[in-house]
């Protein structure tokens, strides 16, 4: 009874069907493998881009923090070297901005404003005293602290957006 169905087919027909099924399975798995390979390559490329963007944003965050630090130091010490360091970090931050155009950071003007207000703050501290320097530093909306906070908020927001995109990419990779 078990072999009754075999009696309906010759061994040759049975072998041909088996070979056809194996070849069809090989084609299907090959096509699936190619599709998955393309998807993995695209995900690898996207992950590399996100990592690069995150590294650039972290570097930008570093430079903008250093600008604030060195201008504050120059205000308190009057050290010309601190001003030069702040300018150096400002130039480095400005140089990173073209690489981050897709993050829609509008920092060009803010970085220039930070340096200008920072220089005013240093001059006020050095020539007019702490009270005048504090006024420049704490001025609502246009003071050194406000400009620096605005820069930090934009960069921090971009870092968070890239981290969230990276987590979505990781979730997609796992599933």
Protein backbone atom coordinates (compact mmCIF):
# COMPACT_ATOMS: atom_id res chain seq x y z
CA UNK A 1 0.00 0.00 0.00
CA UNK A 2 2.81 2.37 0.89
CA UNK A 3 4.55 1.71 -2.39
CA UNK A 4 1.42 1.65 -4.52
CA UNK A 5 1.88 5.28 -5.65
CA UNK A 6 5.41 4.41 -6.74
CA UNK A 7 4.01 1.86 -9.14
CA UNK A 8 2.32 4.69 -11.06
CA UNK A 9 5.67 6.34 -11.85
CA UNK A 10 8.78 5.02 -13.34
CA UNK A 11 12.04 5.51 -11.54
CA UNK A 12 13.13 7.80 -14.31
CA UNK A 13 10.08 10.08 -13.94
CA UNK A 14 10.47 10.10 -10.17
CA UNK A 15 14.16 11.05 -10.48
CA UNK A 16 13.37 13.84 -12.96
CA UNK A 17 10.74 15.31 -10.62
CA UNK A 18 13.17 15.16 -7.71
CA UNK A 19 15.93 16.83 -9.73
CA UNK A 20 13.47 19.51 -10.95
CA UNK A 21 12.37 20.17 -7.37
CA UNK A 22 15.99 20.44 -6.19
CA UNK A 23 16.92 22.81 -9.05
CA UNK A 24 13.83 24.94 -8.39
CA UNK A 25 14.73 25.10 -4.69
CA UNK A 26 18.29 26.14 -5.57
CA UNK A 27 17.05 28.93 -7.85
CA UNK A 28 14.61 30.19 -5.22
CA UNK A 29 17.21 30.19 -2.44
CA UNK A 30 19.75 31.85 -4.74
CA UNK A 31 17.30 34.64 -5.60
CA UNK A 32 16.43 35.07 -1.93
CA UNK A 33 20.11 35.13 -0.99
CA UNK A 34 20.84 37.83 -3.57
CA UNK A 35 17.93 39.94 -2.36
CA UNK A 36 19.01 39.60 1.26
CA UNK A 37 22.61 40.37 0.33
CA UNK A 38 21.52 43.60 -1.37
CA UNK A 39 19.43 44.57 1.65
CA UNK A 40 22.34 43.86 4.01
CA UNK A 41 24.70 45.92 1.84
CA UNK A 42 22.23 48.83 1.88
CA UNK A 43 21.88 48.54 5.66
CA UNK A 44 25.66 48.42 6.07
CA UNK A 45 25.97 51.54 3.94
CA UNK A 46 23.26 53.34 5.93
CA UNK A 47 24.88 52.28 9.22
CA UNK A 48 28.27 53.54 8.04
CA UNK A 49 26.67 56.85 7.06
CA UNK A 50 24.92 57.16 10.43
CA UNK A 51 28.15 56.36 12.26
CA UNK A 52 30.05 58.93 10.22
CA UNK A 53 27.38 61.56 10.84
CA UNK A 54 27.35 60.78 14.55
CA UNK A 55 31.13 61.10 14.72
CA UNK A 56 30.98 64.45 12.92
CA UNK A 57 28.26 65.68 15.27
CA UNK A 58 30.27 64.60 18.32
CA UNK A 59 33.29 66.42 16.92
CA UNK A 60 31.13 69.50 16.29
CA UNK A 61 29.81 69.29 19.86
CA UNK A 62 33.39 69.11 21.13
CA UNK A 63 34.50 72.18 19.16
CA UNK A 64 31.46 74.28 20.11
CA UNK A 65 31.98 73.40 23.78
CA UNK A 66 35.64 74.32 23.51
CA UNK A 67 34.76 77.69 21.95
CA UNK A 68 32.57 78.44 24.95
CA UNK A 69 35.24 77.21 27.38
CA UNK A 70 38.12 79.17 25.87
CA UNK A 71 36.12 82.39 25.54
CA UNK A 72 35.07 82.07 29.18
CA UNK A 73 38.70 81.46 30.13
CA UNK A 74 39.82 84.49 28.12
CA UNK A 75 37.18 86.59 29.88
CA UNK A 76 38.49 85.64 33.29
CA UNK A 77 42.23 85.56 32.59
CA UNK A 78 42.68 87.95 29.67
CA UNK A 79 44.88 85.30 28.05
CA UNK A 80 45.33 85.95 24.31
CA UNK A 81 46.12 82.26 23.85
CA UNK A 82 42.61 81.37 24.96
CA UNK A 83 41.18 83.68 22.30
CA UNK A 84 43.38 82.03 19.68
CA UNK A 85 42.21 78.59 20.84
CA UNK A 86 38.58 79.70 20.64
CA UNK A 87 39.13 80.97 17.07
CA UNK A 88 40.84 77.71 16.17
CA UNK A 89 37.90 75.67 17.46
CA UNK A 90 35.46 78.01 15.73
CA UNK A 91 37.26 77.47 12.42
CA UNK A 92 37.21 73.70 12.98
CA UNK A 93 33.48 73.77 13.77
CA UNK A 94 32.77 75.91 10.68
CA UNK A 95 34.73 73.43 8.56
CA UNK A 96 32.50 70.57 9.72
CA UNK A 97 29.22 72.25 8.79
CA UNK A 98 29.29 71.48 5.03
CA UNK A 99 29.53 67.76 5.88
CA UNK A 100 26.36 67.99 7.96
CA UNK A 101 23.99 69.66 5.50
CA UNK A 102 21.35 66.90 5.67
CA UNK A 103 20.94 67.46 9.41
CA UNK A 104 19.65 70.96 8.65
CA UNK A 105 21.82 72.62 11.26
CA UNK A 106 21.70 76.39 10.98
CA UNK A 107 24.89 77.03 12.90
CA UNK A 108 26.97 79.17 10.54
CA UNK A 109 25.48 82.42 11.79
CA UNK A 110 25.28 81.22 15.40
CA UNK A 111 28.96 80.28 15.46
CA UNK A 112 29.89 83.68 14.08
CA UNK A 113 27.60 85.31 16.62
CA UNK A 114 29.12 83.24 19.43
CA UNK A 115 32.62 84.42 18.53
CA UNK A 116 31.51 88.05 18.16
CA UNK A 117 29.57 88.12 21.43
CA UNK A 118 32.38 86.17 23.11
CA UNK A 119 34.91 88.77 22.02
CA UNK A 120 32.60 91.52 23.29
CA UNK A 121 32.32 89.65 26.58
CA UNK A 122 36.10 89.31 26.90
CA UNK A 123 36.56 93.02 26.14
CA UNK A 124 33.84 93.99 28.64
CA UNK A 125 35.36 91.84 31.39
CA UNK A 126 38.86 93.13 30.73
CA UNK A 127 38.10 96.82 30.21
CA UNK A 128 34.91 97.49 32.18
CA UNK A 129 34.91 94.84 34.90
CA UNK A 130 32.89 91.84 35.97
CA UNK A 131 29.51 93.57 36.01
CA UNK A 132 29.78 94.70 32.38
CA UNK A 133 31.09 91.28 31.32
CA UNK A 134 28.24 89.55 33.12
CA UNK A 135 25.71 91.77 31.30
CA UNK A 136 27.14 90.71 27.92
CA UNK A 137 27.27 87.08 29.02
CA UNK A 138 23.74 86.95 30.45
CA UNK A 139 21.87 89.23 28.00
CA UNK A 140 18.48 87.72 27.16
CA UNK A 141 18.39 86.11 23.74
CA UNK A 142 21.61 87.63 22.46
CA UNK A 143 24.05 87.05 25.30
CA UNK A 144 26.95 84.67 25.18
CA UNK A 145 25.18 82.07 27.33
CA UNK A 146 22.01 82.22 25.20
CA UNK A 147 23.90 81.85 21.91
CA UNK A 148 25.99 79.01 23.32
CA UNK A 149 22.86 77.28 24.64
CA UNK A 150 21.18 77.61 21.25
CA UNK A 151 24.18 75.99 19.56
CA UNK A 152 24.26 73.21 22.16
CA UNK A 153 20.52 72.59 21.70
CA UNK A 154 20.81 72.31 17.91
CA UNK A 155 23.83 70.01 18.02
CA UNK A 156 22.33 67.94 20.84
CA UNK A 157 19.05 67.59 18.94
CA UNK A 158 20.90 66.43 15.83
CA UNK A 159 22.87 63.88 17.87
CA UNK A 160 19.62 62.51 19.33
CA UNK A 161 18.01 62.30 15.87
CA UNK A 162 20.98 60.34 14.52
CA UNK A 163 20.99 58.05 17.56
CA UNK A 164 17.27 57.35 17.09
CA UNK A 165 17.83 56.64 13.38
CA UNK A 166 20.64 54.27 14.35
CA UNK A 167 18.38 52.46 16.81
CA UNK A 168 15.70 52.10 14.13
CA UNK A 169 18.34 50.71 11.78
CA UNK A 170 19.48 48.26 14.47
CA UNK A 171 15.89 47.18 15.14
CA UNK A 172 15.34 46.60 11.42
CA UNK A 173 18.55 44.59 11.19
CA UNK A 174 17.54 42.29 14.05
CA UNK A 175 14.03 41.54 12.77
